[in-house]
Amino acid sequence: MTGPGDLVCRERPSPNHGPRAEGMTIDMLLLHYTGMRSADEALERLCDLASEVSAHYLIDETGVIYRLVDEDRRAWHAGRAVWAGESDINGCAIGIEIVNPGHEFGYRAFPEPQMRALEALCLAILSRHPIPARRVLGHSDVAPDRKEDPGELFDWPALARAGIGLWPPVEDPPTLYEAPAIEEIQRNLTRIGYAVEPTGIMNAESRSALLAFQRHWLPERMTGARDPHTAWRLEQVLKAFIESEN
């Protein structure tokens, strides 16, 4: 059936949804991988009333788009999550599940037909909702202590080239650059949106957030460590976020 824009979506209604809070704006696009062995298995779970999980769309590896929940409804995909102080991520986001076995069942790169379909779907969604580029995010961004998806193999730069999300060019830090103190790292993570307290101590919360940042913005350095390349990348991403607000 005809879906968003000129896309063709297969209808696979999920019973798992509810109303969005009155007055809440849809201003986030949240990307997930399914983390299950097959698309059929994922669809079955997302449409099972007992599972209490869902998303607005699912895209299989061949590029077929399934519509599970209407965009004006609150799908149940984010779980316990926070971004920029907002804890009702399901209330403000549209969730897209991308079929991939994930880290548990053989994580792999996302096929080109799937990525093309994702780009088309995202552009259609962005044409209807005031979603800033800085709020096109992964599940691991909003839930860094428990989620890894869509993961380090996801092609965020390709989405940005298509006009979806932000991707400042990756640059090496300047000569003699030193990573700032951990409290400044924490503050920069918080300014971007990660839920981190500026304690000045590299605790588990900060390490999880820093690893999630690397997974999205610097996947070649997924260490959770405060190294100069990560600190510099953090400053560049923060700068892009601030510029995108103006």
Protein backbone atom coordinates (compact mmCIF):
# COMPACT_ATOMS: atom_id res chain seq x y z
CA MET A 1 0.00 0.00 0.00
CA THR A 2 1.03 3.58 -0.46
CA GLY A 3 3.09 4.80 2.48
CA PRO A 4 4.85 8.04 3.33
CA GLY A 5 5.48 10.22 0.32
CA ASP A 6 5.79 8.07 -2.79
CA LEU A 7 7.08 5.06 -0.86
CA VAL A 8 5.31 1.74 -0.93
CA CYS A 9 4.88 0.18 2.50
CA ARG A 10 3.58 -3.22 3.43
CA GLU A 11 1.05 -2.92 6.22
CA ARG A 12 1.80 -5.05 9.30
CA PRO A 13 -0.13 -3.37 12.11
CA SER A 14 1.17 -3.76 15.64
CA PRO A 15 -1.19 -3.48 18.60
CA ASN A 16 1.59 -2.02 20.72
CA HIS A 17 1.10 1.73 20.77
CA GLY A 18 -0.73 4.50 22.56
CA PRO A 19 -1.45 8.22 22.36
CA ARG A 20 1.35 10.76 22.43
CA ALA A 21 1.18 13.24 25.28
CA GLU A 22 -0.94 16.27 24.45
CA GLY A 23 1.17 19.06 22.99
CA MET A 24 4.26 16.92 22.47
CA THR A 25 6.07 17.58 19.19
CA ILE A 26 7.57 14.80 17.09
CA ASP A 27 11.14 16.08 16.92
CA MET A 28 13.35 12.99 16.98
CA LEU A 29 14.08 10.16 14.57
CA LEU A 30 15.45 7.11 16.38
CA LEU A 31 17.15 4.28 14.51
CA HIS A 32 17.45 0.73 15.80
CA TYR A 33 18.58 -2.64 14.58
CA THR A 34 16.26 -5.56 15.27
CA GLY A 35 18.93 -7.78 16.84
CA MET A 36 17.05 -10.93 15.84
CA ARG A 37 17.84 -13.81 13.51
CA SER A 38 15.39 -12.85 10.75
CA ALA A 39 12.92 -10.21 9.61
CA ASP A 40 10.01 -12.61 10.21
CA GLU A 41 11.11 -13.18 13.79
CA ALA A 42 11.43 -9.44 14.35
CA LEU A 43 8.03 -8.69 12.83
CA GLU A 44 6.41 -11.38 14.93
CA ARG A 45 7.83 -9.89 18.12
CA LEU A 46 7.04 -6.28 17.22
CA CYS A 47 3.44 -7.24 16.45
CA ASP A 48 2.92 -9.52 19.45
CA LEU A 49 0.71 -7.92 22.10
CA ALA A 50 2.53 -9.82 24.84
CA SER A 51 5.93 -8.40 23.87
CA GLU A 52 4.89 -4.79 24.59
CA VAL A 53 7.40 -3.51 22.00
CA SER A 54 6.92 -1.95 18.58
CA ALA A 55 8.22 0.67 16.17
CA HIS A 56 6.65 2.81 13.50
CA TYR A 57 8.51 1.10 10.64
CA LEU A 58 10.70 -1.89 9.92
CA ILE A 59 13.00 -2.22 6.90
CA ASP A 60 14.20 -5.66 5.86
CA GLU A 61 17.56 -6.34 4.22
CA THR A 62 16.08 -6.28 0.71
CA GLY A 63 14.70 -2.77 1.28
CA VAL A 64 11.05 -3.67 1.87
CA ILE A 65 9.42 -1.21 4.29
CA TYR A 66 6.75 -2.37 6.74
CA ARG A 67 4.50 0.11 8.49
CA LEU A 68 3.63 -1.09 11.97
CA VAL A 69 2.32 1.97 13.80
CA ASP A 70 0.93 5.26 12.48
CA GLU A 71 3.31 8.17 12.98
CA ASP A 72 0.84 10.10 15.11
CA ARG A 73 0.79 7.28 17.66
CA ARG A 74 3.36 6.59 20.39
CA ALA A 75 5.17 3.37 19.48
CA TRP A 76 7.11 1.46 22.16
CA HIS A 77 10.69 1.23 20.92
CA ALA A 78 13.02 3.31 23.11
CA GLY A 79 12.43 1.84 26.56
CA ARG A 80 14.33 3.45 29.42
CA ALA A 81 16.13 6.30 27.67
CA VAL A 82 17.06 9.97 28.02
CA TRP A 83 18.25 12.64 25.60
CA ALA A 84 18.83 16.32 26.35
CA GLY A 85 16.86 15.95 29.56
CA GLU A 86 13.83 14.34 27.88
CA SER A 87 12.92 10.92 29.27
CA ASP A 88 9.79 10.26 27.20
CA ILE A 89 11.69 9.38 24.04
CA ASN A 90 8.79 7.30 22.72
CA GLY A 91 6.60 10.37 23.08
CA CYS A 92 8.73 12.62 20.88
CA ALA A 93 10.30 10.14 18.44
CA ILE A 94 9.52 8.12 15.36
CA GLY A 95 11.24 4.75 15.59
CA ILE A 96 12.61 2.73 12.69
CA GLU A 97 13.77 -0.87 13.13
CA ILE A 98 16.41 -1.96 10.62
CA VAL A 99 16.70 -5.71 10.17
CA ASN A 100 20.13 -6.89 11.29
CA PRO A 101 21.05 -9.83 13.54
CA GLY A 102 22.95 -7.47 15.81
CA HIS A 103 25.89 -8.16 18.06
CA GLU A 104 24.30 -11.26 19.58
CA PHE A 105 23.57 -13.15 16.35
CA GLY A 106 26.27 -12.08 13.88
CA TYR A 107 26.35 -8.32 13.43
CA ARG A 108 27.08 -7.27 9.84
CA ALA A 109 27.06 -4.26 7.55
CA PHE A 110 23.72 -2.97 6.30
CA PRO A 111 23.04 -3.86 2.63
CA GLU A 112 22.78 -1.08 0.05
CA PRO A 113 19.09 -1.76 -0.82
CA GLN A 114 18.23 -1.49 2.85
CA MET A 115 20.15 1.77 3.24
CA ARG A 116 18.52 3.25 0.12
CA ALA A 117 15.08 2.40 1.50
CA LEU A 118 16.04 3.89 4.86
CA GLU A 119 17.18 7.13 3.23
CA ALA A 120 13.91 7.43 1.30
CA LEU A 121 11.84 6.71 4.40
CA CYS A 122 13.79 9.16 6.56
CA LEU A 123 13.49 11.94 3.99
CA ALA A 124 9.74 11.37 3.79
CA ILE A 125 9.43 11.52 7.58
CA LEU A 126 11.59 14.65 7.79
CA SER A 127 9.37 16.33 5.21
CA ARG A 128 6.43 16.00 7.58
CA HIS A 129 7.92 16.63 11.01
CA PRO A 130 10.21 19.38 12.43
CA ILE A 131 13.06 17.01 13.29
CA PRO A 132 16.43 18.81 13.51
CA ALA A 133 19.46 17.08 12.02
CA ARG A 134 21.03 16.87 15.49
CA ARG A 135 18.09 14.74 16.67
CA VAL A 136 18.54 11.91 14.17
CA LEU A 137 20.00 9.41 16.61
CA GLY A 138 20.69 5.78 17.37
CA HIS A 139 19.19 3.75 20.19
CA SER A 140 22.62 3.54 21.82
CA ASP A 141 22.76 7.34 22.01
CA VAL A 142 19.65 7.60 24.19
CA ALA A 143 20.26 4.40 26.17
CA PRO A 144 24.06 4.01 26.29
CA ASP A 145 24.10 1.84 29.40
CA ARG A 146 22.10 -0.96 27.77
CA LYS A 147 21.96 -0.61 23.97
CA GLU A 148 24.47 -0.90 21.10
CA ASP A 149 22.26 -0.38 18.06
CA PRO A 150 22.35 0.43 15.24
CA GLY A 151 26.05 -0.09 15.94
CA GLU A 152 29.49 0.78 14.67
CA LEU A 153 28.89 -0.63 11.16
CA PHE A 154 25.96 1.66 10.50
CA ASP A 155 26.69 4.21 7.77
CA TRP A 156 25.87 7.54 9.44
CA PRO A 157 27.99 9.49 6.91
CA ALA A 158 25.87 8.17 4.02
CA LEU A 159 22.70 9.35 5.74
CA ALA A 160 24.22 12.79 6.31
CA ARG A 161 25.19 13.04 2.64
CA ALA A 162 21.53 12.41 1.83
CA GLY A 163 20.49 15.26 4.14
CA ILE A 164 19.62 13.12 7.16
CA GLY A 165 21.38 13.86 10.43
CA LEU A 166 24.77 15.45 11.11
CA TRP A 167 28.24 14.21 10.24
CA PRO A 168 31.10 16.73 10.60
CA PRO A 169 34.24 15.61 8.76
CA VAL A 170 36.56 13.46 10.86
CA GLU A 171 39.80 15.34 11.55
CA ASP A 172 42.92 14.46 13.49
CA PRO A 173 43.45 16.66 16.53
CA PRO A 174 45.89 19.55 16.16
CA THR A 175 49.54 18.99 17.03
CA LEU A 176 50.12 19.07 20.82
CA TYR A 177 46.37 18.89 21.48
CA GLU A 178 45.61 17.35 24.86
CA ALA A 179 42.29 15.93 25.95
CA PRO A 180 40.60 18.20 28.52
CA ALA A 181 39.80 17.06 32.05
CA ILE A 182 37.09 14.44 32.45
CA GLU A 183 34.64 17.02 33.84
CA GLU A 184 34.88 19.01 30.59
CA ILE A 185 34.40 15.79 28.60
CA GLN A 186 31.30 15.08 30.66
CA ARG A 187 29.98 18.59 30.11
CA ASN A 188 30.49 18.30 26.35
CA LEU A 189 28.66 14.98 26.29
CA THR A 190 25.81 16.61 28.21
CA ARG A 191 25.73 19.61 25.85
CA ILE A 192 25.26 17.23 22.95
CA GLY A 193 22.44 15.39 24.73
CA TYR A 194 23.90 12.40 26.56
CA ALA A 195 22.68 11.90 30.12
CA VAL A 196 25.92 12.41 32.04
CA GLU A 197 26.58 14.12 35.36
CA PRO A 198 29.71 16.35 35.42
CA THR A 199 31.29 14.60 38.43
CA GLY A 200 34.90 14.84 37.30
CA ILE A 201 35.17 11.08 37.81
CA MET A 202 35.28 8.57 34.96
CA ASN A 203 32.45 6.43 36.29
CA ALA A 204 30.41 3.72 34.56
CA GLU A 205 27.82 6.25 33.36
CA SER A 206 30.47 8.41 31.69
CA ARG A 207 32.26 5.44 30.18
CA SER A 208 29.01 4.11 28.67
CA ALA A 209 28.14 7.52 27.22
CA LEU A 210 31.63 8.00 25.81
CA LEU A 211 31.53 4.55 24.22
CA ALA A 212 28.11 5.32 22.71
CA PHE A 213 29.50 8.58 21.35
CA GLN A 214 32.41 6.71 19.76
CA ARG A 215 30.08 4.05 18.37
CA HIS A 216 28.14 6.75 16.53
CA TRP A 217 30.74 9.43 15.76
CA LEU A 218 34.15 7.71 15.87
CA PRO A 219 33.62 3.96 15.40
CA GLU A 220 37.27 3.27 14.69
CA ARG A 221 38.06 4.17 18.32
CA MET A 222 35.48 2.28 20.36
CA THR A 223 37.37 2.13 23.63
CA GLY A 224 35.29 4.21 26.04
CA ALA A 225 38.53 6.05 26.82
CA ARG A 226 39.21 9.80 26.99
CA ASP A 227 41.92 9.90 24.32
CA PRO A 228 42.85 13.02 22.31
CA HIS A 229 41.14 11.84 19.11
CA THR A 230 37.87 11.20 20.96
CA ALA A 231 38.04 14.50 22.86
CA TRP A 232 38.72 16.42 19.64
CA ARG A 233 35.92 14.62 17.81
CA LEU A 234 33.60 15.45 20.70
CA GLU A 235 34.43 19.14 20.34
CA GLN A 236 33.81 19.02 16.58
CA VAL A 237 30.45 17.26 16.96
CA LEU A 238 29.40 19.70 19.67
CA LYS A 239 30.34 22.60 17.38
CA ALA A 240 28.21 21.10 14.58
CA PHE A 241 25.29 20.69 16.99
CA ILE A 242 25.52 24.31 18.12
CA GLU A 243 25.78 25.59 14.53
CA SER A 244 22.75 23.52 13.53
CA GLU A 245 20.67 25.31 16.16
CA ASN A 246 21.28 28.71 14.55
